């Protein structure tokens, strides 16, 4: 019963050791991230969508946008989004889909097609070769990684998009609103 576990562990270790290089390569998506940010920066609401381990990636992207540009943002698992939250989107929103490949791509295709019917701005952040049929006006692609490690690579362009959205909106992505007296005073009440 234990046969094969050592080779699985070795393969997992090798995949994990390759992540820093894949993250460096993901930085090569900078120009596409800048274009995607420019496309969505003036939208009034951001919806981040992910499936499997990338639901958490969607939540991390929400935190970054809230911290850097203060755009109201929400993150959802793809199916969860269709059961209620979909009703809140309209043409003022942007939907950013995080696509790592696999069965969830088909559902993401349907979700973004429905968003398109509402004139929602659509961006796909995908691993190489994933989600090629997922419709969007902007696409950012990063190197492929094992699905369980994909959040570590896919978060890189999401961080870049958050940064460029802040710059396009004229907010300081590094301050967390510390330059505003009321926020600076309020944030002294708690420690991070």
N, C-alpha and C. Protein backbone atom coordinates (compact mmCIF):
# COMPACT_ATOMS: atom_id res chain seq x y z
N UNK A 1 0.82 -1.20 0.00
CA UNK A 1 0.00 0.00 0.00
C UNK A 1 0.87 1.26 0.00
N UNK A 2 2.07 1.16 0.55
CA UNK A 2 2.94 2.33 0.61
C UNK A 2 3.78 2.51 -0.65
N UNK A 3 3.77 1.48 -1.49
CA UNK A 3 4.56 1.55 -2.72
C UNK A 3 4.06 2.72 -3.57
N UNK A 4 4.94 3.50 -4.10
CA UNK A 4 4.57 4.64 -4.93
C UNK A 4 4.50 5.95 -4.17
N UNK A 5 4.36 5.89 -2.85
CA UNK A 5 4.27 7.13 -2.08
C UNK A 5 5.58 7.91 -2.09
N UNK A 6 6.70 7.20 -2.08
CA UNK A 6 8.00 7.89 -2.11
C UNK A 6 8.17 8.63 -3.43
N UNK A 7 7.77 7.99 -4.53
CA UNK A 7 7.90 8.66 -5.83
C UNK A 7 6.92 9.83 -5.93
N UNK A 8 5.72 9.68 -5.33
CA UNK A 8 4.77 10.80 -5.31
C UNK A 8 5.33 11.96 -4.51
N UNK A 9 5.95 11.65 -3.39
CA UNK A 9 6.55 12.70 -2.56
C UNK A 9 7.69 13.38 -3.30
N UNK A 10 8.50 12.61 -4.00
CA UNK A 10 9.61 13.20 -4.76
C UNK A 10 9.08 14.09 -5.88
N UNK A 11 8.03 13.66 -6.56
CA UNK A 11 7.44 14.48 -7.63
C UNK A 11 6.83 15.75 -7.07
N UNK A 12 6.19 15.65 -5.93
CA UNK A 12 5.61 16.83 -5.29
C UNK A 12 6.69 17.80 -4.85
N UNK A 13 7.76 17.27 -4.30
CA UNK A 13 8.89 18.10 -3.87
C UNK A 13 9.51 18.82 -5.07
N UNK A 14 9.68 18.10 -6.18
CA UNK A 14 10.25 18.71 -7.39
C UNK A 14 9.34 19.80 -7.93
N UNK A 15 8.02 19.55 -7.93
CA UNK A 15 7.07 20.57 -8.40
C UNK A 15 7.14 21.81 -7.51
N UNK A 16 7.22 21.60 -6.22
CA UNK A 16 7.30 22.72 -5.28
C UNK A 16 8.59 23.51 -5.46
N UNK A 17 9.69 22.82 -5.68
CA UNK A 17 10.97 23.50 -5.88
C UNK A 17 11.00 24.32 -7.17
N UNK A 18 10.15 23.99 -8.12
CA UNK A 18 10.09 24.75 -9.37
C UNK A 18 9.25 26.01 -9.30
N UNK A 19 8.51 26.19 -8.21
CA UNK A 19 7.60 27.34 -8.10
C UNK A 19 8.32 28.69 -8.15
N UNK A 20 9.44 28.90 -7.46
CA UNK A 20 10.09 30.22 -7.56
C UNK A 20 10.40 30.62 -9.01
N UNK A 21 10.87 29.67 -9.81
CA UNK A 21 11.16 29.98 -11.21
C UNK A 21 9.88 30.32 -11.97
N UNK A 22 8.81 29.59 -11.73
CA UNK A 22 7.54 29.87 -12.40
C UNK A 22 7.00 31.24 -11.99
N UNK A 23 7.19 31.61 -10.73
CA UNK A 23 6.75 32.93 -10.27
C UNK A 23 7.55 34.03 -10.95
N UNK A 24 8.85 33.81 -11.10
CA UNK A 24 9.68 34.79 -11.83
C UNK A 24 9.20 34.92 -13.28
N UNK A 25 8.90 33.80 -13.89
CA UNK A 25 8.40 33.83 -15.27
C UNK A 25 7.04 34.53 -15.35
N UNK A 26 6.22 34.36 -14.31
CA UNK A 26 4.91 35.02 -14.29
C UNK A 26 5.04 36.54 -14.28
N UNK A 27 6.15 37.04 -13.75
CA UNK A 27 6.39 38.49 -13.80
C UNK A 27 6.49 38.99 -15.24
N UNK A 28 6.75 38.09 -16.16
CA UNK A 28 6.79 38.45 -17.57
C UNK A 28 5.43 38.84 -18.13
N UNK A 29 4.38 38.65 -17.36
CA UNK A 29 3.03 39.04 -17.78
C UNK A 29 2.74 40.50 -17.49
N UNK A 30 3.75 41.25 -17.09
CA UNK A 30 3.57 42.64 -16.67
C UNK A 30 2.80 43.48 -17.69
N UNK A 31 3.18 43.43 -18.95
CA UNK A 31 2.51 44.26 -19.97
C UNK A 31 1.04 43.89 -20.11
N UNK A 32 0.73 42.60 -20.10
CA UNK A 32 -0.67 42.17 -20.19
C UNK A 32 -1.44 42.59 -18.94
N UNK A 33 -0.79 42.55 -17.78
CA UNK A 33 -1.43 42.98 -16.54
C UNK A 33 -1.74 44.47 -16.58
N UNK A 34 -0.82 45.24 -17.10
CA UNK A 34 -1.01 46.68 -17.23
C UNK A 34 -2.21 46.98 -18.14
N UNK A 35 -2.31 46.25 -19.25
CA UNK A 35 -3.44 46.43 -20.18
C UNK A 35 -4.76 46.02 -19.53
N UNK A 36 -4.76 44.90 -18.83
CA UNK A 36 -5.97 44.44 -18.15
C UNK A 36 -6.41 45.45 -17.10
N UNK A 37 -5.45 45.96 -16.34
CA UNK A 37 -5.77 46.96 -15.31
C UNK A 37 -6.37 48.21 -15.93
N UNK A 38 -5.78 48.66 -17.01
CA UNK A 38 -6.29 49.85 -17.69
C UNK A 38 -7.74 49.62 -18.16
N UNK A 39 -8.01 48.42 -18.63
CA UNK A 39 -9.33 48.08 -19.13
C UNK A 39 -10.39 48.10 -18.03
N UNK A 40 -10.04 47.68 -16.81
CA UNK A 40 -11.04 47.56 -15.74
C UNK A 40 -10.96 48.64 -14.67
N UNK A 41 -9.94 49.47 -14.69
CA UNK A 41 -9.66 50.35 -13.55
C UNK A 41 -10.78 51.30 -13.16
N UNK A 42 -11.61 51.70 -14.08
CA UNK A 42 -12.66 52.65 -13.74
C UNK A 42 -14.01 51.98 -13.45
N UNK A 43 -14.02 50.67 -13.40
CA UNK A 43 -15.25 49.96 -13.04
C UNK A 43 -15.53 50.18 -11.56
N UNK A 44 -16.79 50.08 -11.17
CA UNK A 44 -17.21 50.39 -9.80
C UNK A 44 -17.16 49.20 -8.86
N UNK A 45 -16.98 48.02 -9.40
CA UNK A 45 -16.99 46.81 -8.58
C UNK A 45 -16.17 45.74 -9.29
N UNK A 46 -15.38 45.00 -8.51
CA UNK A 46 -14.61 43.88 -9.05
C UNK A 46 -15.12 42.58 -8.44
N UNK A 47 -15.31 41.59 -9.29
CA UNK A 47 -15.69 40.25 -8.85
C UNK A 47 -14.56 39.31 -9.28
N UNK A 48 -13.95 38.63 -8.32
CA UNK A 48 -12.90 37.66 -8.62
C UNK A 48 -13.50 36.26 -8.48
N UNK A 49 -13.26 35.43 -9.48
CA UNK A 49 -13.84 34.10 -9.52
C UNK A 49 -12.75 33.04 -9.64
N UNK A 50 -12.84 32.01 -8.81
CA UNK A 50 -11.88 30.92 -8.88
C UNK A 50 -12.54 29.63 -8.47
N UNK A 51 -11.94 28.52 -8.85
CA UNK A 51 -12.47 27.20 -8.49
C UNK A 51 -11.35 26.37 -7.88
N UNK A 52 -11.74 25.40 -7.07
CA UNK A 52 -10.75 24.54 -6.41
C UNK A 52 -9.82 25.39 -5.56
N UNK A 53 -8.51 25.14 -5.65
CA UNK A 53 -7.58 25.89 -4.81
C UNK A 53 -7.53 27.38 -5.17
N UNK A 54 -8.04 27.74 -6.31
CA UNK A 54 -7.97 29.15 -6.72
C UNK A 54 -9.15 29.99 -6.24
N UNK A 55 -10.06 29.38 -5.47
CA UNK A 55 -11.03 30.19 -4.75
C UNK A 55 -10.26 31.06 -3.75
N UNK A 56 -9.27 30.49 -3.11
CA UNK A 56 -8.45 31.24 -2.16
C UNK A 56 -7.65 32.32 -2.89
N UNK A 57 -7.20 32.03 -4.10
CA UNK A 57 -6.48 33.02 -4.90
C UNK A 57 -7.40 34.21 -5.18
N UNK A 58 -8.66 33.93 -5.46
CA UNK A 58 -9.64 35.01 -5.68
C UNK A 58 -9.76 35.87 -4.43
N UNK A 59 -9.79 35.25 -3.27
CA UNK A 59 -9.91 36.00 -2.01
C UNK A 59 -8.67 36.86 -1.77
N UNK A 60 -7.50 36.36 -2.09
CA UNK A 60 -6.27 37.14 -1.95
C UNK A 60 -6.30 38.35 -2.88
N UNK A 61 -6.80 38.16 -4.10
CA UNK A 61 -6.89 39.28 -5.04
C UNK A 61 -7.83 40.35 -4.52
N UNK A 62 -8.91 39.94 -3.89
CA UNK A 62 -9.85 40.90 -3.29
C UNK A 62 -9.12 41.76 -2.26
N UNK A 63 -8.38 41.12 -1.38
CA UNK A 63 -7.65 41.86 -0.34
C UNK A 63 -6.71 42.88 -0.98
N UNK A 64 -5.98 42.48 -2.00
CA UNK A 64 -5.03 43.40 -2.65
C UNK A 64 -5.73 44.59 -3.27
N UNK A 65 -6.84 44.37 -3.96
CA UNK A 65 -7.56 45.49 -4.57
C UNK A 65 -8.10 46.42 -3.49
N UNK A 66 -8.66 45.86 -2.44
CA UNK A 66 -9.19 46.69 -1.35
C UNK A 66 -8.08 47.52 -0.71
N UNK A 67 -6.91 46.93 -0.52
CA UNK A 67 -5.79 47.63 0.11
C UNK A 67 -5.17 48.70 -0.79
N UNK A 68 -5.17 48.47 -2.09
CA UNK A 68 -4.42 49.35 -2.98
C UNK A 68 -5.25 50.40 -3.68
N UNK A 69 -6.48 50.07 -4.04
CA UNK A 69 -7.27 51.04 -4.81
C UNK A 69 -8.66 51.28 -4.23
N UNK A 70 -9.02 50.54 -3.21
CA UNK A 70 -10.27 50.73 -2.47
C UNK A 70 -11.53 50.48 -3.30
N UNK A 71 -11.41 49.75 -4.40
CA UNK A 71 -12.57 49.41 -5.23
C UNK A 71 -13.36 48.32 -4.52
N UNK A 72 -14.67 48.50 -4.33
CA UNK A 72 -15.46 47.42 -3.74
C UNK A 72 -15.26 46.12 -4.54
N UNK A 73 -14.87 45.07 -3.84
CA UNK A 73 -14.52 43.81 -4.50
C UNK A 73 -15.02 42.63 -3.69
N UNK A 74 -15.32 41.56 -4.40
CA UNK A 74 -15.76 40.32 -3.78
C UNK A 74 -15.09 39.16 -4.49
N UNK A 75 -14.90 38.08 -3.76
CA UNK A 75 -14.33 36.88 -4.34
C UNK A 75 -15.26 35.71 -4.12
N UNK A 76 -15.40 34.88 -5.14
CA UNK A 76 -16.33 33.76 -5.05
C UNK A 76 -15.77 32.52 -5.71
N UNK A 77 -16.19 31.38 -5.19
CA UNK A 77 -16.03 30.13 -5.90
C UNK A 77 -17.03 30.19 -7.04
N UNK A 78 -16.69 29.70 -8.19
CA UNK A 78 -17.49 29.88 -9.40
C UNK A 78 -18.96 29.51 -9.19
N UNK A 79 -19.24 28.35 -8.63
CA UNK A 79 -20.63 27.93 -8.42
C UNK A 79 -21.34 28.83 -7.42
N UNK A 80 -20.65 29.21 -6.36
CA UNK A 80 -21.24 30.08 -5.35
C UNK A 80 -21.70 31.39 -5.97
N UNK A 81 -20.93 31.92 -6.89
CA UNK A 81 -21.26 33.19 -7.54
C UNK A 81 -22.61 33.12 -8.25
N UNK A 82 -22.93 31.98 -8.84
CA UNK A 82 -24.18 31.86 -9.59
C UNK A 82 -25.41 31.78 -8.69
N UNK A 83 -25.22 31.45 -7.43
CA UNK A 83 -26.34 31.28 -6.51
C UNK A 83 -26.53 32.51 -5.64
N UNK A 84 -26.83 33.63 -6.24
CA UNK A 84 -27.11 34.86 -5.51
C UNK A 84 -26.25 36.02 -5.92
N UNK A 85 -24.93 35.96 -5.71
CA UNK A 85 -24.09 37.11 -6.02
C UNK A 85 -24.16 37.57 -7.48
N UNK A 86 -24.47 36.67 -8.40
CA UNK A 86 -24.57 37.06 -9.81
C UNK A 86 -25.58 38.20 -9.99
N UNK A 87 -26.60 38.22 -9.15
CA UNK A 87 -27.65 39.24 -9.25
C UNK A 87 -27.13 40.65 -8.99
N UNK A 88 -26.00 40.78 -8.34
CA UNK A 88 -25.49 42.11 -8.00
C UNK A 88 -24.66 42.75 -9.11
N UNK A 89 -24.31 42.01 -10.15
CA UNK A 89 -23.44 42.57 -11.18
C UNK A 89 -24.23 43.24 -12.29
N UNK A 90 -23.61 44.26 -12.86
CA UNK A 90 -24.17 44.96 -14.01
C UNK A 90 -23.01 45.52 -14.82
N UNK A 91 -23.31 46.36 -15.77
CA UNK A 91 -22.30 46.86 -16.70
C UNK A 91 -21.21 47.71 -16.04
N UNK A 92 -21.39 48.06 -14.77
CA UNK A 92 -20.36 48.83 -14.06
C UNK A 92 -19.30 47.95 -13.42
N UNK A 93 -19.48 46.64 -13.51
CA UNK A 93 -18.59 45.69 -12.83
C UNK A 93 -17.52 45.13 -13.76
N UNK A 94 -16.51 44.56 -13.13
CA UNK A 94 -15.48 43.79 -13.84
C UNK A 94 -15.43 42.41 -13.20
N UNK A 95 -15.37 41.38 -14.02
CA UNK A 95 -15.22 40.00 -13.54
C UNK A 95 -13.84 39.52 -13.94
N UNK A 96 -13.08 39.07 -12.95
CA UNK A 96 -11.73 38.57 -13.20
C UNK A 96 -11.75 37.07 -12.86
N UNK A 97 -11.59 36.25 -13.87
CA UNK A 97 -11.65 34.80 -13.71
C UNK A 97 -10.25 34.22 -13.60
N UNK A 98 -10.05 33.37 -12.61
CA UNK A 98 -8.77 32.71 -12.38
C UNK A 98 -8.92 31.27 -12.86
N UNK A 99 -8.17 30.91 -13.89
CA UNK A 99 -8.39 29.63 -14.58
C UNK A 99 -7.11 28.80 -14.55
N UNK A 100 -7.22 27.59 -13.96
CA UNK A 100 -6.05 26.72 -13.84
C UNK A 100 -6.16 25.46 -14.68
N UNK A 101 -7.22 25.32 -15.44
CA UNK A 101 -7.40 24.14 -16.27
C UNK A 101 -8.25 23.10 -15.59
N UNK A 102 -8.84 22.23 -16.39
CA UNK A 102 -9.64 21.15 -15.85
C UNK A 102 -11.13 21.37 -16.07
N UNK A 103 -11.92 20.58 -15.38
CA UNK A 103 -13.37 20.57 -15.56
C UNK A 103 -14.00 21.92 -15.24
N UNK A 104 -13.43 22.68 -14.33
CA UNK A 104 -14.01 23.96 -13.94
C UNK A 104 -13.98 24.99 -15.07
N UNK A 105 -13.12 24.80 -16.05
CA UNK A 105 -13.03 25.75 -17.17
C UNK A 105 -14.35 25.87 -17.92
N UNK A 106 -15.04 24.76 -18.11
CA UNK A 106 -16.30 24.78 -18.84
C UNK A 106 -17.33 25.64 -18.11
N UNK A 107 -17.38 25.50 -16.81
CA UNK A 107 -18.34 26.30 -16.03
C UNK A 107 -17.93 27.77 -16.05
N UNK A 108 -16.64 28.04 -15.96
CA UNK A 108 -16.17 29.42 -16.00
C UNK A 108 -16.54 30.06 -17.34
N UNK A 109 -16.47 29.28 -18.41
CA UNK A 109 -16.87 29.77 -19.73
C UNK A 109 -18.32 30.27 -19.67
N UNK A 110 -19.21 29.48 -19.09
CA UNK A 110 -20.62 29.87 -18.98
C UNK A 110 -20.80 31.11 -18.13
N UNK A 111 -20.09 31.17 -17.02
CA UNK A 111 -20.20 32.32 -16.12
C UNK A 111 -19.76 33.60 -16.83
N UNK A 112 -18.63 33.55 -17.51
CA UNK A 112 -18.15 34.76 -18.18
C UNK A 112 -19.00 35.11 -19.40
N UNK A 113 -19.57 34.12 -20.04
CA UNK A 113 -20.49 34.42 -21.14
C UNK A 113 -21.71 35.17 -20.61
N UNK A 114 -22.23 34.73 -19.47
CA UNK A 114 -23.37 35.41 -18.85
C UNK A 114 -22.98 36.83 -18.42
N UNK A 115 -21.78 36.99 -17.88
CA UNK A 115 -21.31 38.33 -17.51
C UNK A 115 -21.21 39.22 -18.75
N UNK A 116 -20.75 38.66 -19.84
CA UNK A 116 -20.66 39.41 -21.09
C UNK A 116 -22.02 39.88 -21.57
N UNK A 117 -23.05 39.07 -21.35
CA UNK A 117 -24.41 39.46 -21.74
C UNK A 117 -24.88 40.68 -20.96
N UNK A 118 -24.26 40.92 -19.81
CA UNK A 118 -24.58 42.10 -18.98
C UNK A 118 -23.59 43.24 -19.21
N UNK A 119 -22.71 43.11 -20.17
CA UNK A 119 -21.67 44.10 -20.47
C UNK A 119 -20.68 44.29 -19.33
N UNK A 120 -20.47 43.24 -18.55
CA UNK A 120 -19.45 43.25 -17.51
C UNK A 120 -18.09 43.14 -18.21
N UNK A 121 -17.12 43.94 -17.77
CA UNK A 121 -15.75 43.82 -18.31
C UNK A 121 -15.17 42.50 -17.82
N UNK A 122 -14.54 41.73 -18.71
CA UNK A 122 -14.06 40.40 -18.35
C UNK A 122 -12.57 40.26 -18.60
N UNK A 123 -11.90 39.73 -17.58
CA UNK A 123 -10.46 39.45 -17.66
C UNK A 123 -10.27 38.00 -17.24
N UNK A 124 -9.46 37.27 -17.98
CA UNK A 124 -9.09 35.91 -17.60
C UNK A 124 -7.61 35.92 -17.24
N UNK A 125 -7.30 35.40 -16.06
CA UNK A 125 -5.92 35.17 -15.63
C UNK A 125 -5.77 33.65 -15.60
N UNK A 126 -4.95 33.12 -16.50
CA UNK A 126 -4.92 31.67 -16.70
C UNK A 126 -3.51 31.13 -16.80
N UNK A 127 -3.39 29.86 -16.43
CA UNK A 127 -2.14 29.14 -16.69
C UNK A 127 -2.09 28.82 -18.17
N UNK A 128 -0.90 28.71 -18.70
CA UNK A 128 -0.70 28.43 -20.13
C UNK A 128 -1.53 27.23 -20.56
N UNK A 129 -2.28 27.42 -21.62
CA UNK A 129 -3.09 26.35 -22.17
C UNK A 129 -4.43 26.14 -21.50
N UNK A 130 -4.70 26.81 -20.40
CA UNK A 130 -5.96 26.63 -19.67
C UNK A 130 -6.99 27.66 -20.12
N UNK A 131 -8.23 27.26 -20.12
CA UNK A 131 -9.32 28.19 -20.37
C UNK A 131 -9.27 28.90 -21.70
N UNK A 132 -8.76 28.24 -22.72
CA UNK A 132 -8.64 28.90 -24.02
C UNK A 132 -9.99 29.25 -24.62
N UNK A 133 -11.04 28.55 -24.20
CA UNK A 133 -12.37 28.85 -24.71
C UNK A 133 -13.17 29.78 -23.80
N UNK A 134 -12.56 30.24 -22.72
CA UNK A 134 -13.24 31.15 -21.80
C UNK A 134 -13.18 32.56 -22.40
N UNK A 135 -14.35 33.13 -22.64
CA UNK A 135 -14.45 34.43 -23.30
C UNK A 135 -14.11 35.57 -22.35
N UNK A 136 -13.29 36.49 -22.85
CA UNK A 136 -12.95 37.69 -22.08
C UNK A 136 -12.33 38.70 -23.03
N UNK A 137 -12.42 39.95 -22.64
CA UNK A 137 -11.82 41.02 -23.44
C UNK A 137 -10.31 41.11 -23.21
N UNK A 138 -9.87 40.67 -22.06
CA UNK A 138 -8.44 40.71 -21.72
C UNK A 138 -8.03 39.34 -21.20
N UNK A 139 -6.81 38.94 -21.53
CA UNK A 139 -6.29 37.65 -21.06
C UNK A 139 -4.85 37.83 -20.61
N UNK A 140 -4.56 37.30 -19.45
CA UNK A 140 -3.20 37.29 -18.92
C UNK A 140 -2.84 35.83 -18.71
N UNK A 141 -1.70 35.42 -19.23
CA UNK A 141 -1.30 34.01 -19.13
C UNK A 141 0.02 33.90 -18.39
N UNK A 142 0.10 32.88 -17.54
CA UNK A 142 1.32 32.58 -16.79
C UNK A 142 1.71 31.13 -17.07
N UNK A 143 2.95 30.74 -16.74
CA UNK A 143 3.38 29.36 -16.97
C UNK A 143 2.51 28.37 -16.19
N UNK A 144 2.34 27.20 -16.74
CA UNK A 144 1.55 26.16 -16.09
C UNK A 144 2.30 25.58 -14.89
N UNK A 145 1.52 25.24 -13.88
CA UNK A 145 2.04 24.60 -12.67
C UNK A 145 1.07 23.49 -12.29
N UNK A 146 1.51 22.61 -11.40
CA UNK A 146 0.59 21.62 -10.86
C UNK A 146 -0.61 22.37 -10.28
N UNK A 147 -1.80 21.82 -10.45
CA UNK A 147 -3.01 22.54 -10.03
C UNK A 147 -2.97 22.91 -8.54
N UNK A 148 -2.46 22.01 -7.71
CA UNK A 148 -2.43 22.29 -6.28
C UNK A 148 -1.46 23.41 -5.93
N UNK A 149 -0.53 23.71 -6.83
CA UNK A 149 0.42 24.80 -6.62
C UNK A 149 0.07 26.04 -7.44
N UNK A 150 -0.95 25.94 -8.27
CA UNK A 150 -1.29 27.05 -9.17
C UNK A 150 -1.56 28.38 -8.47
N UNK A 151 -2.13 28.41 -7.25
CA UNK A 151 -2.34 29.71 -6.61
C UNK A 151 -1.04 30.52 -6.44
N UNK A 152 0.07 29.82 -6.22
CA UNK A 152 1.34 30.52 -6.03
C UNK A 152 1.81 31.24 -7.28
N UNK A 153 1.44 30.73 -8.44
CA UNK A 153 1.83 31.34 -9.71
C UNK A 153 0.77 32.34 -10.17
N UNK A 154 -0.50 31.97 -10.03
CA UNK A 154 -1.58 32.83 -10.51
C UNK A 154 -1.75 34.10 -9.69
N UNK A 155 -1.28 34.10 -8.46
CA UNK A 155 -1.41 35.31 -7.64
C UNK A 155 -0.50 36.43 -8.15
N UNK A 156 0.57 36.08 -8.84
CA UNK A 156 1.53 37.10 -9.32
C UNK A 156 0.86 38.11 -10.24
N UNK A 157 0.18 37.70 -11.32
CA UNK A 157 -0.46 38.71 -12.16
C UNK A 157 -1.60 39.43 -11.46
N UNK A 158 -2.26 38.78 -10.52
CA UNK A 158 -3.33 39.46 -9.79
C UNK A 158 -2.77 40.58 -8.93
N UNK A 159 -1.60 40.37 -8.35
CA UNK A 159 -0.93 41.43 -7.60
C UNK A 159 -0.56 42.58 -8.53
N UNK A 160 -0.04 42.25 -9.71
CA UNK A 160 0.33 43.29 -10.68
C UNK A 160 -0.90 44.07 -11.15
N UNK A 161 -1.97 43.38 -11.43
CA UNK A 161 -3.20 44.05 -11.85
C UNK A 161 -3.68 44.99 -10.76
N UNK A 162 -3.66 44.54 -9.51
CA UNK A 162 -4.06 45.40 -8.39
C UNK A 162 -3.21 46.65 -8.32
N UNK A 163 -1.92 46.48 -8.48
CA UNK A 163 -0.99 47.61 -8.46
C UNK A 163 -1.31 48.62 -9.57
N UNK A 164 -1.50 48.13 -10.78
CA UNK A 164 -1.76 49.03 -11.90
C UNK A 164 -3.15 49.66 -11.83
N UNK A 165 -4.13 48.97 -11.28
CA UNK A 165 -5.44 49.58 -11.07
C UNK A 165 -5.30 50.77 -10.12
N UNK A 166 -4.54 50.58 -9.04
CA UNK A 166 -4.33 51.67 -8.09
C UNK A 166 -3.69 52.87 -8.78
N UNK A 167 -2.66 52.64 -9.57
CA UNK A 167 -2.01 53.75 -10.27
C UNK A 167 -2.98 54.44 -11.22
N UNK A 168 -3.77 53.66 -11.96
CA UNK A 168 -4.74 54.25 -12.89
C UNK A 168 -5.81 55.06 -12.17
N UNK A 169 -6.15 54.66 -10.96
CA UNK A 169 -7.18 55.37 -10.19
C UNK A 169 -6.60 56.51 -9.36
N UNK A 170 -5.28 56.63 -9.36
CA UNK A 170 -4.64 57.72 -8.62
C UNK A 170 -4.51 57.48 -7.13
N UNK A 171 -4.52 56.21 -6.72
CA UNK A 171 -4.31 55.91 -5.30
C UNK A 171 -2.89 55.39 -5.10
N UNK A 172 -2.40 55.53 -3.89
CA UNK A 172 -1.06 55.06 -3.56
C UNK A 172 -1.16 53.59 -3.17
N UNK A 173 -0.66 52.67 -3.99
CA UNK A 173 -0.83 51.25 -3.69
C UNK A 173 -0.04 50.77 -2.47
N UNK A 174 0.84 51.60 -1.96
CA UNK A 174 1.67 51.19 -0.83
C UNK A 174 1.22 51.76 0.51
N UNK A 175 0.20 52.61 0.51
CA UNK A 175 -0.09 53.34 1.75
C UNK A 175 -1.20 52.76 2.59
N UNK A 176 -2.13 52.01 2.02
CA UNK A 176 -3.27 51.55 2.80
C UNK A 176 -4.06 52.71 3.38
N UNK A 177 -4.08 53.82 2.66
CA UNK A 177 -4.76 55.08 3.02
C UNK A 177 -4.10 55.79 4.19
N UNK A 178 -2.88 55.44 4.52
CA UNK A 178 -2.17 56.11 5.61
C UNK A 178 -1.94 57.59 5.34
N UNK A 179 -1.98 58.02 4.07
CA UNK A 179 -1.78 59.42 3.75
C UNK A 179 -3.01 60.26 4.10
N UNK A 180 -4.13 59.61 4.40
CA UNK A 180 -5.35 60.31 4.78
C UNK A 180 -5.40 60.38 6.31
N UNK A 181 -5.53 61.59 6.83
CA UNK A 181 -5.44 61.80 8.28
C UNK A 181 -6.41 60.92 9.07
N UNK A 182 -7.66 60.84 8.65
CA UNK A 182 -8.64 60.04 9.38
C UNK A 182 -8.25 58.56 9.41
N UNK A 183 -7.81 58.04 8.28
CA UNK A 183 -7.41 56.63 8.23
C UNK A 183 -6.13 56.40 9.03
N UNK A 184 -5.19 57.31 8.94
CA UNK A 184 -3.95 57.16 9.70
C UNK A 184 -4.26 57.11 11.20
N UNK A 185 -5.14 57.98 11.65
CA UNK A 185 -5.52 58.02 13.06
C UNK A 185 -6.25 56.73 13.45
N UNK A 186 -7.19 56.30 12.63
CA UNK A 186 -7.97 55.10 12.93
C UNK A 186 -7.09 53.85 12.96
N UNK A 187 -6.11 53.78 12.06
CA UNK A 187 -5.27 52.59 11.99
C UNK A 187 -4.26 52.51 13.13
N UNK A 188 -4.09 53.58 13.86
CA UNK A 188 -3.22 53.52 15.05
C UNK A 188 -3.90 52.77 16.19
N UNK A 189 -5.20 52.57 16.07
CA UNK A 189 -5.95 51.89 17.12
C UNK A 189 -5.66 50.39 17.14
N UNK A 190 -5.31 49.83 16.00
CA UNK A 190 -5.05 48.40 15.93
C UNK A 190 -3.67 48.14 15.33
N UNK A 191 -3.16 46.97 15.61
CA UNK A 191 -1.85 46.58 15.07
C UNK A 191 -2.04 45.52 14.00
N UNK A 192 -1.25 45.60 12.96
CA UNK A 192 -1.27 44.56 11.92
C UNK A 192 -0.04 43.70 12.04
